[in-house]
Amino acid sequence: MRKNINTALVDDLQVGDYVILHVGVALKKLDQEEAEKTLALFGELEALEKAQNQEQTP
């Protein structure tokens, strides 16, 4: 996903870096390993949400 964000709070960012983002403001730079773990957790949450929605659909 590409968005214009405010990076004033995080030093030394490069295009392609991963950050924790809240309401359009970068709060923290993540290293590659931390970013991959975070993305995996979001993937698990999405799968759980889909499974719950399928259970609730008559």
C-alpha atoms as a PDB file:
ATOM      1  CA  MET A   1       0.000   0.000   0.000  1.00  0.00           C
ATOM      2  CA  ARG A   2       1.274   3.483  -0.779  1.00  0.00           C
ATOM      3  CA  LYS A   3       0.229   6.539   1.196  1.00  0.00           C
ATOM      4  CA  ASN A   4       1.631   9.966   1.916  1.00  0.00           C
ATOM      5  CA  ILE A   5       2.519  10.063   5.607  1.00  0.00           C
ATOM      6  CA  ASN A   6       4.189  12.394   8.080  1.00  0.00           C
ATOM      7  CA  THR A   7       7.659  11.038   8.953  1.00  0.00           C
ATOM      8  CA  ALA A   8       8.855  13.928  11.122  1.00  0.00           C
ATOM      9  CA  LEU A   9       8.923  11.794  14.286  1.00  0.00           C
ATOM     10  CA  VAL A  10      11.208   9.070  12.877  1.00  0.00           C
ATOM     11  CA  ASP A  11      14.809   9.689  11.856  1.00  0.00           C
ATOM     12  CA  ASP A  12      16.768   8.023   9.065  1.00  0.00           C
ATOM     13  CA  LEU A  13      13.922   6.630   6.960  1.00  0.00           C
ATOM     14  CA  GLN A  14      14.459   5.361   3.434  1.00  0.00           C
ATOM     15  CA  VAL A  15      11.941   4.414   0.761  1.00  0.00           C
ATOM     16  CA  GLY A  16      10.926   0.811   1.476  1.00  0.00           C
ATOM     17  CA  ASP A  17      11.419   0.969   5.249  1.00  0.00           C
ATOM     18  CA  TYR A  18       8.646  -0.415   7.436  1.00  0.00           C
ATOM     19  CA  VAL A  19       7.090   1.810  10.089  1.00  0.00           C
ATOM     20  CA  ILE A  20       4.369   1.672  12.694  1.00  0.00           C
ATOM     21  CA  LEU A  21       1.771   4.126  11.440  1.00  0.00           C
ATOM     22  CA  HIS A  22      -1.104   5.776  13.286  1.00  0.00           C
ATOM     23  CA  VAL A  23      -3.504   8.287  11.703  1.00  0.00           C
ATOM     24  CA  GLY A  24      -1.028   9.179   8.987  1.00  0.00           C
ATOM     25  CA  VAL A  25       2.016   9.642  11.241  1.00  0.00           C
ATOM     26  CA  ALA A  26       4.994   7.274  11.336  1.00  0.00           C
ATOM     27  CA  LEU A  27       5.736   6.492  14.978  1.00  0.00           C
ATOM     28  CA  LYS A  28       8.539   3.916  14.834  1.00  0.00           C
ATOM     29  CA  LYS A  29      10.824   2.311  12.263  1.00  0.00           C
ATOM     30  CA  LEU A  30      10.771  -1.498  12.223  1.00  0.00           C
ATOM     31  CA  ASP A  31      13.636  -3.766  11.231  1.00  0.00           C
ATOM     32  CA  GLN A  32      12.936  -6.443   8.617  1.00  0.00           C
ATOM     33  CA  GLU A  33      12.402  -9.255  11.152  1.00  0.00           C
ATOM     34  CA  GLU A  34      10.041  -7.218  13.314  1.00  0.00           C
ATOM     35  CA  ALA A  35       8.094  -6.090  10.230  1.00  0.00           C
ATOM     36  CA  GLU A  36       7.714  -9.682   9.000  1.00  0.00           C
ATOM     37  CA  LYS A  37       6.441 -10.832  12.410  1.00  0.00           C
ATOM     38  CA  THR A  38       3.970  -7.953  12.534  1.00  0.00           C
ATOM     39  CA  LEU A  39       2.694  -8.662   9.016  1.00  0.00           C
ATOM     40  CA  ALA A  40       2.295 -12.353   9.902  1.00  0.00           C
ATOM     41  CA  LEU A  41       0.205 -11.417  12.966  1.00  0.00           C
ATOM     42  CA  PHE A  42      -2.011  -9.201  10.825  1.00  0.00           C
ATOM     43  CA  GLY A  43      -2.435 -12.141   8.439  1.00  0.00           C
ATOM     44  CA  GLU A  44      -3.511 -14.398  11.332  1.00  0.00           C
ATOM     45  CA  LEU A  45      -6.009 -11.788  12.520  1.00  0.00           C
ATOM     46  CA  GLU A  46      -7.460 -11.501   9.031  1.00  0.00           C
ATOM     47  CA  ALA A  47      -7.847 -15.288   8.774  1.00  0.00           C
ATOM     48  CA  LEU A  48      -9.598 -15.441  12.158  1.00  0.00           C
ATOM     49  CA  GLU A  49     -11.914 -12.614  11.172  1.00  0.00           C
ATOM     50  CA  LYS A  50     -12.837 -14.379   7.916  1.00  0.00           C
ATOM     51  CA  ALA A  51     -13.498 -17.635   9.770  1.00  0.00           C
ATOM     52  CA  GLN A  52     -15.741 -15.861  12.286  1.00  0.00           C
ATOM     53  CA  ASN A  53     -17.669 -14.145   9.505  1.00  0.00           C
ATOM     54  CA  GLN A  54     -18.230 -17.472   7.743  1.00  0.00           C
ATOM     55  CA  GLU A  55     -19.538 -19.026  10.976  1.00  0.00           C
ATOM     56  CA  GLN A  56     -22.014 -16.165  11.417  1.00  0.00           C
ATOM     57  CA  THR A  57     -23.313 -16.296   7.843  1.00  0.00           C
ATOM     58  CA  PRO A  58     -26.512 -18.406   7.654  1.00  0.00           C
END
